[in-house]
Amino acid sequence: MILIEFAGFKAVFVVAERVHVASQEFTFRFDRDGPLGMINPIWDPSYPDEPGWTTFRLDISHDMNMD
């Protein structure tokens, strides 16, 4: 079940270079172009959490065709 959900999460990398996740004391990102980027979290406090929420912020790729 987790593997199936993770495969769906990887689809965000079609449009995003990085995905930032913040939830309680955990703030990290996944970097599409980093070593093991889509599966290796990188601790990153750039976007603090909002109490009571888990947030996902996408850095949209510059090469994304927005026709």
PDB file of N, CA and C in Angstrom:
ATOM      1  N   MET A   1       0.818  -1.193   0.000  1.00  0.00           N
ATOM      2  CA  MET A   1       0.000   0.000   0.000  1.00  0.00           C
ATOM      3  C   MET A   1       0.864   1.260   0.000  1.00  0.00           C
ATOM      4  N   ILE A   2       1.895   1.310   0.834  1.00  0.00           N
ATOM      5  CA  ILE A   2       2.753   2.487   0.892  1.00  0.00           C
ATOM      6  C   ILE A   2       3.459   2.700  -0.436  1.00  0.00           C
ATOM      7  N   LEU A   3       3.943   1.632  -1.050  1.00  0.00           N
ATOM      8  CA  LEU A   3       4.630   1.742  -2.329  1.00  0.00           C
ATOM      9  C   LEU A   3       3.708   2.340  -3.387  1.00  0.00           C
ATOM     10  N   ILE A   4       2.467   1.932  -3.418  1.00  0.00           N
ATOM     11  CA  ILE A   4       1.511   2.467  -4.393  1.00  0.00           C
ATOM     12  C   ILE A   4       1.297   3.958  -4.147  1.00  0.00           C
ATOM     13  N   GLU A   5       1.144   4.372  -2.879  1.00  0.00           N
ATOM     14  CA  GLU A   5       0.958   5.781  -2.580  1.00  0.00           C
ATOM     15  C   GLU A   5       2.194   6.575  -2.948  1.00  0.00           C
ATOM     16  N   PHE A   6       3.388   6.029  -2.709  1.00  0.00           N
ATOM     17  CA  PHE A   6       4.617   6.733  -3.047  1.00  0.00           C
ATOM     18  C   PHE A   6       4.749   6.892  -4.556  1.00  0.00           C
ATOM     19  N   ALA A   7       4.358   5.889  -5.311  1.00  0.00           N
ATOM     20  CA  ALA A   7       4.422   5.988  -6.771  1.00  0.00           C
ATOM     21  C   ALA A   7       3.543   7.140  -7.246  1.00  0.00           C
ATOM     22  N   GLY A   8       2.407   7.357  -6.613  1.00  0.00           N
ATOM     23  CA  GLY A   8       1.551   8.485  -6.953  1.00  0.00           C
ATOM     24  C   GLY A   8       2.188   9.811  -6.574  1.00  0.00           C
ATOM     25  N   PHE A   9       2.866   9.855  -5.439  1.00  0.00           N
ATOM     26  CA  PHE A   9       3.535  11.076  -5.002  1.00  0.00           C
ATOM     27  C   PHE A   9       4.627  11.486  -5.983  1.00  0.00           C
ATOM     28  N   LYS A  10       5.341  10.529  -6.545  1.00  0.00           N
ATOM     29  CA  LYS A  10       6.410  10.846  -7.494  1.00  0.00           C
ATOM     30  C   LYS A  10       5.894  11.580  -8.718  1.00  0.00           C
ATOM     31  N   ALA A  11       4.609  11.492  -8.987  1.00  0.00           N
ATOM     32  CA  ALA A  11       4.035  12.178 -10.154  1.00  0.00           C
ATOM     33  C   ALA A  11       4.171  13.698 -10.042  1.00  0.00           C
ATOM     34  N   VAL A  12       4.310  14.250  -8.834  1.00  0.00           N
ATOM     35  CA  VAL A  12       4.473  15.702  -8.713  1.00  0.00           C
ATOM     36  C   VAL A  12       5.754  16.169  -9.382  1.00  0.00           C
ATOM     37  N   PHE A  13       6.737  15.275  -9.555  1.00  0.00           N
ATOM     38  CA  PHE A  13       7.994  15.670 -10.170  1.00  0.00           C
ATOM     39  C   PHE A  13       7.885  15.848 -11.678  1.00  0.00           C
ATOM     40  N   VAL A  14       6.724  15.589 -12.243  1.00  0.00           N
ATOM     41  CA  VAL A  14       6.484  15.928 -13.646  1.00  0.00           C
ATOM     42  C   VAL A  14       6.455  17.449 -13.796  1.00  0.00           C
ATOM     43  N   VAL A  15       5.940  18.144 -12.783  1.00  0.00           N
ATOM     44  CA  VAL A  15       5.828  19.601 -12.844  1.00  0.00           C
ATOM     45  C   VAL A  15       6.732  20.332 -11.854  1.00  0.00           C
ATOM     46  N   ALA A  16       7.248  19.644 -10.847  1.00  0.00           N
ATOM     47  CA  ALA A  16       8.017  20.313  -9.792  1.00  0.00           C
ATOM     48  C   ALA A  16       9.462  19.833  -9.748  1.00  0.00           C
ATOM     49  N   GLU A  17      10.365  20.778  -9.477  1.00  0.00           N
ATOM     50  CA  GLU A  17      11.773  20.429  -9.277  1.00  0.00           C
ATOM     51  C   GLU A  17      12.017  19.965  -7.846  1.00  0.00           C
ATOM     52  N   ARG A  18      11.328  20.610  -6.902  1.00  0.00           N
ATOM     53  CA  ARG A  18      11.462  20.281  -5.492  1.00  0.00           C
ATOM     54  C   ARG A  18      10.097  20.285  -4.835  1.00  0.00           C
ATOM     55  N   VAL A  19       9.942  19.429  -3.827  1.00  0.00           N
ATOM     56  CA  VAL A  19       8.727  19.397  -3.023  1.00  0.00           C
ATOM     57  C   VAL A  19       9.146  19.567  -1.566  1.00  0.00           C
ATOM     58  N   HIS A  20       8.619  20.595  -0.921  1.00  0.00           N
ATOM     59  CA  HIS A  20       8.892  20.866   0.488  1.00  0.00           C
ATOM     60  C   HIS A  20       7.730  20.337   1.315  1.00  0.00           C
ATOM     61  N   VAL A  21       8.048  19.662   2.410  1.00  0.00           N
ATOM     62  CA  VAL A  21       7.035  19.099   3.295  1.00  0.00           C
ATOM     63  C   VAL A  21       7.300  19.640   4.700  1.00  0.00           C
ATOM     64  N   ALA A  22       6.254  20.106   5.371  1.00  0.00           N
ATOM     65  CA  ALA A  22       6.368  20.565   6.754  1.00  0.00           C
ATOM     66  C   ALA A  22       5.222  19.990   7.556  1.00  0.00           C
ATOM     67  N   SER A  23       5.572  19.311   8.651  1.00  0.00           N
ATOM     68  CA  SER A  23       4.562  18.728   9.528  1.00  0.00           C
ATOM     69  C   SER A  23       5.138  18.638  10.930  1.00  0.00           C
ATOM     70  N   GLN A  24       4.548  19.382  11.836  1.00  0.00           N
ATOM     71  CA  GLN A  24       5.027  19.470  13.218  1.00  0.00           C
ATOM     72  C   GLN A  24       6.505  19.821  13.224  1.00  0.00           C
ATOM     73  N   GLU A  25       7.350  19.016  13.850  1.00  0.00           N
ATOM     74  CA  GLU A  25       8.772  19.372  13.928  1.00  0.00           C
ATOM     75  C   GLU A  25       9.576  18.927  12.711  1.00  0.00           C
ATOM     76  N   PHE A  26       8.946  18.299  11.740  1.00  0.00           N
ATOM     77  CA  PHE A  26       9.651  17.797  10.563  1.00  0.00           C
ATOM     78  C   PHE A  26       9.484  18.755   9.387  1.00  0.00           C
ATOM     79  N   THR A  27      10.593  19.249   8.863  1.00  0.00           N
ATOM     80  CA  THR A  27      10.580  20.076   7.651  1.00  0.00           C
ATOM     81  C   THR A  27      11.689  19.566   6.746  1.00  0.00           C
ATOM     82  N   PHE A  28      11.298  19.116   5.580  1.00  0.00           N
ATOM     83  CA  PHE A  28      12.258  18.528   4.650  1.00  0.00           C
ATOM     84  C   PHE A  28      11.779  18.730   3.235  1.00  0.00           C
ATOM     85  N   ARG A  29      12.648  18.371   2.278  1.00  0.00           N
ATOM     86  CA  ARG A  29      12.269  18.486   0.871  1.00  0.00           C
ATOM     87  C   ARG A  29      12.776  17.267   0.112  1.00  0.00           C
ATOM     88  N   PHE A  30      12.193  17.069  -1.036  1.00  0.00           N
ATOM     89  CA  PHE A  30      12.675  16.099  -2.017  1.00  0.00           C
ATOM     90  C   PHE A  30      13.112  16.900  -3.228  1.00  0.00           C
ATOM     91  N   ASP A  31      14.268  16.578  -3.768  1.00  0.00           N
ATOM     92  CA  ASP A  31      14.833  17.318  -4.893  1.00  0.00           C
ATOM     93  C   ASP A  31      14.941  16.377  -6.090  1.00  0.00           C
ATOM     94  N   ARG A  32      14.202  16.673  -7.140  1.00  0.00           N
ATOM     95  CA  ARG A  32      14.148  15.805  -8.314  1.00  0.00           C
ATOM     96  C   ARG A  32      15.520  15.519  -8.897  1.00  0.00           C
ATOM     97  N   ASP A  33      16.407  16.517  -8.902  1.00  0.00           N
ATOM     98  CA  ASP A  33      17.705  16.368  -9.548  1.00  0.00           C
ATOM     99  C   ASP A  33      18.828  15.973  -8.596  1.00  0.00           C
ATOM    100  N   GLY A  34      18.529  15.803  -7.321  1.00  0.00           N
ATOM    101  CA  GLY A  34      19.552  15.414  -6.349  1.00  0.00           C
ATOM    102  C   GLY A  34      19.807  13.916  -6.393  1.00  0.00           C
ATOM    103  N   PRO A  35      20.904  13.476  -5.748  1.00  0.00           N
ATOM    104  CA  PRO A  35      21.162  12.036  -5.692  1.00  0.00           C
ATOM    105  C   PRO A  35      20.039  11.351  -4.905  1.00  0.00           C
ATOM    106  N   LEU A  36      19.420  10.380  -5.514  1.00  0.00           N
ATOM    107  CA  LEU A  36      18.246   9.705  -4.944  1.00  0.00           C
ATOM    108  C   LEU A  36      17.163  10.711  -4.573  1.00  0.00           C
ATOM    109  N   GLY A  37      17.076  11.776  -5.334  1.00  0.00           N
ATOM    110  CA  GLY A  37      16.241  12.922  -4.999  1.00  0.00           C
ATOM    111  C   GLY A  37      14.786  12.660  -4.712  1.00  0.00           C
ATOM    112  N   MET A  38      14.152  11.780  -5.459  1.00  0.00           N
ATOM    113  CA  MET A  38      12.725  11.573  -5.257  1.00  0.00           C
ATOM    114  C   MET A  38      12.429  10.634  -4.095  1.00  0.00           C
ATOM    115  N   ILE A  39      13.455  10.001  -3.531  1.00  0.00           N
ATOM    116  CA  ILE A  39      13.200   9.093  -2.413  1.00  0.00           C
ATOM    117  C   ILE A  39      14.003   9.431  -1.166  1.00  0.00           C
ATOM    118  N   ASN A  40      14.925  10.388  -1.279  1.00  0.00           N
ATOM    119  CA  ASN A  40      15.794  10.727  -0.156  1.00  0.00           C
ATOM    120  C   ASN A  40      15.418  12.101   0.404  1.00  0.00           C
ATOM    121  N   PRO A  41      14.790  12.162   1.592  1.00  0.00           N
ATOM    122  CA  PRO A  41      14.433  13.470   2.147  1.00  0.00           C
ATOM    123  C   PRO A  41      15.679  14.236   2.581  1.00  0.00           C
ATOM    124  N   ILE A  42      15.649  15.554   2.377  1.00  0.00           N
ATOM    125  CA  ILE A  42      16.731  16.445   2.772  1.00  0.00           C
ATOM    126  C   ILE A  42      16.145  17.400   3.807  1.00  0.00           C
ATOM    127  N   TRP A  43      16.695  17.421   5.012  1.00  0.00           N
ATOM    128  CA  TRP A  43      16.191  18.320   6.047  1.00  0.00           C
ATOM    129  C   TRP A  43      16.343  19.758   5.576  1.00  0.00           C
ATOM    130  N   ASP A  44      15.260  20.525   5.657  1.00  0.00           N
ATOM    131  CA  ASP A  44      15.259  21.887   5.126  1.00  0.00           C
ATOM    132  C   ASP A  44      14.205  22.712   5.865  1.00  0.00           C
ATOM    133  N   PRO A  45      14.627  23.655   6.708  1.00  0.00           N
ATOM    134  CA  PRO A  45      13.662  24.468   7.456  1.00  0.00           C
ATOM    135  C   PRO A  45      13.161  25.699   6.693  1.00  0.00           C
ATOM    136  N   SER A  46      13.298  25.735   5.377  1.00  0.00           N
ATOM    137  CA  SER A  46      12.909  26.906   4.589  1.00  0.00           C
ATOM    138  C   SER A  46      11.453  27.306   4.787  1.00  0.00           C
ATOM    139  N   TYR A  47      10.578  26.337   4.908  1.00  0.00           N
ATOM    140  CA  TYR A  47       9.156  26.610   5.078  1.00  0.00           C
ATOM    141  C   TYR A  47       8.694  25.976   6.384  1.00  0.00           C
ATOM    142  N   PRO A  48       8.526  26.773   7.440  1.00  0.00           N
ATOM    143  CA  PRO A  48       8.076  26.204   8.710  1.00  0.00           C
ATOM    144  C   PRO A  48       6.643  25.680   8.614  1.00  0.00           C
ATOM    145  N   ASP A  49       6.308  24.822   9.558  1.00  0.00           N
ATOM    146  CA  ASP A  49       4.966  24.235   9.540  1.00  0.00           C
ATOM    147  C   ASP A  49       3.933  25.245  10.011  1.00  0.00           C
ATOM    148  N   GLU A  50       2.687  24.970   9.668  1.00  0.00           N
ATOM    149  CA  GLU A  50       1.557  25.717  10.186  1.00  0.00           C
ATOM    150  C   GLU A  50       0.892  24.795  11.199  1.00  0.00           C
ATOM    151  N   PRO A  51       0.780  25.221  12.458  1.00  0.00           N
ATOM    152  CA  PRO A  51       0.264  24.328  13.499  1.00  0.00           C
ATOM    153  C   PRO A  51      -1.038  23.639  13.098  1.00  0.00           C
ATOM    154  N   GLY A  52      -1.044  22.320  13.270  1.00  0.00           N
ATOM    155  CA  GLY A  52      -2.234  21.530  12.954  1.00  0.00           C
ATOM    156  C   GLY A  52      -2.330  21.080  11.502  1.00  0.00           C
ATOM    157  N   TRP A  53      -1.363  21.444  10.671  1.00  0.00           N
ATOM    158  CA  TRP A  53      -1.410  21.113   9.250  1.00  0.00           C
ATOM    159  C   TRP A  53      -0.131  20.431   8.794  1.00  0.00           C
ATOM    160  N   THR A  54      -0.251  19.634   7.760  1.00  0.00           N
ATOM    161  CA  THR A  54       0.894  19.162   6.998  1.00  0.00           C
ATOM    162  C   THR A  54       0.818  19.879   5.659  1.00  0.00           C
ATOM    163  N   THR A  55       1.894  20.565   5.292  1.00  0.00           N
ATOM    164  CA  THR A  55       1.873  21.339   4.055  1.00  0.00           C
ATOM    165  C   THR A  55       2.884  20.803   3.054  1.00  0.00           C
ATOM    166  N   PHE A  56       2.510  20.894   1.802  1.00  0.00           N
ATOM    167  CA  PHE A  56       3.365  20.517   0.674  1.00  0.00           C
ATOM    168  C   PHE A  56       3.497  21.753  -0.204  1.00  0.00           C
ATOM    169  N   ARG A  57       4.714  22.163  -0.494  1.00  0.00           N
ATOM    170  CA  ARG A  57       4.952  23.307  -1.371  1.00  0.00           C
ATOM    171  C   ARG A  57       5.784  22.812  -2.555  1.00  0.00           C
ATOM    172  N   LEU A  58       5.336  23.151  -3.735  1.00  0.00           N
ATOM    173  CA  LEU A  58       6.014  22.695  -4.954  1.00  0.00           C
ATOM    174  C   LEU A  58       6.780  23.842  -5.590  1.00  0.00           C
ATOM    175  N   ASP A  59       8.040  23.600  -5.929  1.00  0.00           N
ATOM    176  CA  ASP A  59       8.808  24.537  -6.750  1.00  0.00           C
ATOM    177  C   ASP A  59       8.625  24.085  -8.197  1.00  0.00           C
ATOM    178  N   ILE A  60       7.779  24.801  -8.925  1.00  0.00           N
ATOM    179  CA  ILE A  60       7.427  24.421 -10.293  1.00  0.00           C
ATOM    180  C   ILE A  60       8.645  24.553 -11.201  1.00  0.00           C
ATOM    181  N   SER A  61       8.837  23.582 -12.076  1.00  0.00           N
ATOM    182  CA  SER A  61       9.959  23.585 -13.017  1.00  0.00           C
ATOM    183  C   SER A  61       9.851  24.752 -13.978  1.00  0.00           C
ATOM    184  N   HIS A  62      10.985  25.375 -14.264  1.00  0.00           N
ATOM    185  CA  HIS A  62      11.008  26.482 -15.229  1.00  0.00           C
ATOM    186  C   HIS A  62      10.772  25.981 -16.646  1.00  0.00           C
ATOM    187  N   ASP A  63      11.098  24.730 -16.896  1.00  0.00           N
ATOM    188  CA  ASP A  63      10.917  24.176 -18.242  1.00  0.00           C
ATOM    189  C   ASP A  63       9.525  23.603 -18.474  1.00  0.00           C
ATOM    190  N   MET A  64       8.627  23.802 -17.501  1.00  0.00           N
ATOM    191  CA  MET A  64       7.252  23.303 -17.622  1.00  0.00           C
ATOM    192  C   MET A  64       6.520  24.098 -18.681  1.00  0.00           C
ATOM    193  N   ASN A  65       5.963  23.421 -19.671  1.00  0.00           N
ATOM    194  CA  ASN A  65       5.211  24.086 -20.738  1.00  0.00           C
ATOM    195  C   ASN A  65       3.806  24.376 -20.239  1.00  0.00           C
ATOM    196  N   MET A  66       3.463  25.654 -20.087  1.00  0.00           N
ATOM    197  CA  MET A  66       2.167  26.051 -19.529  1.00  0.00           C
ATOM    198  C   MET A  66       1.208  26.526 -20.621  1.00  0.00           C
ATOM    199  N   ASP A  67       1.123  25.818 -21.739  1.00  0.00           N
ATOM    200  CA  ASP A  67       0.233  26.218 -22.838  1.00  0.00           C
ATOM    201  C   ASP A  67      -1.215  26.134 -22.438  1.00  0.00           C
TER     202      ASP A  67
END
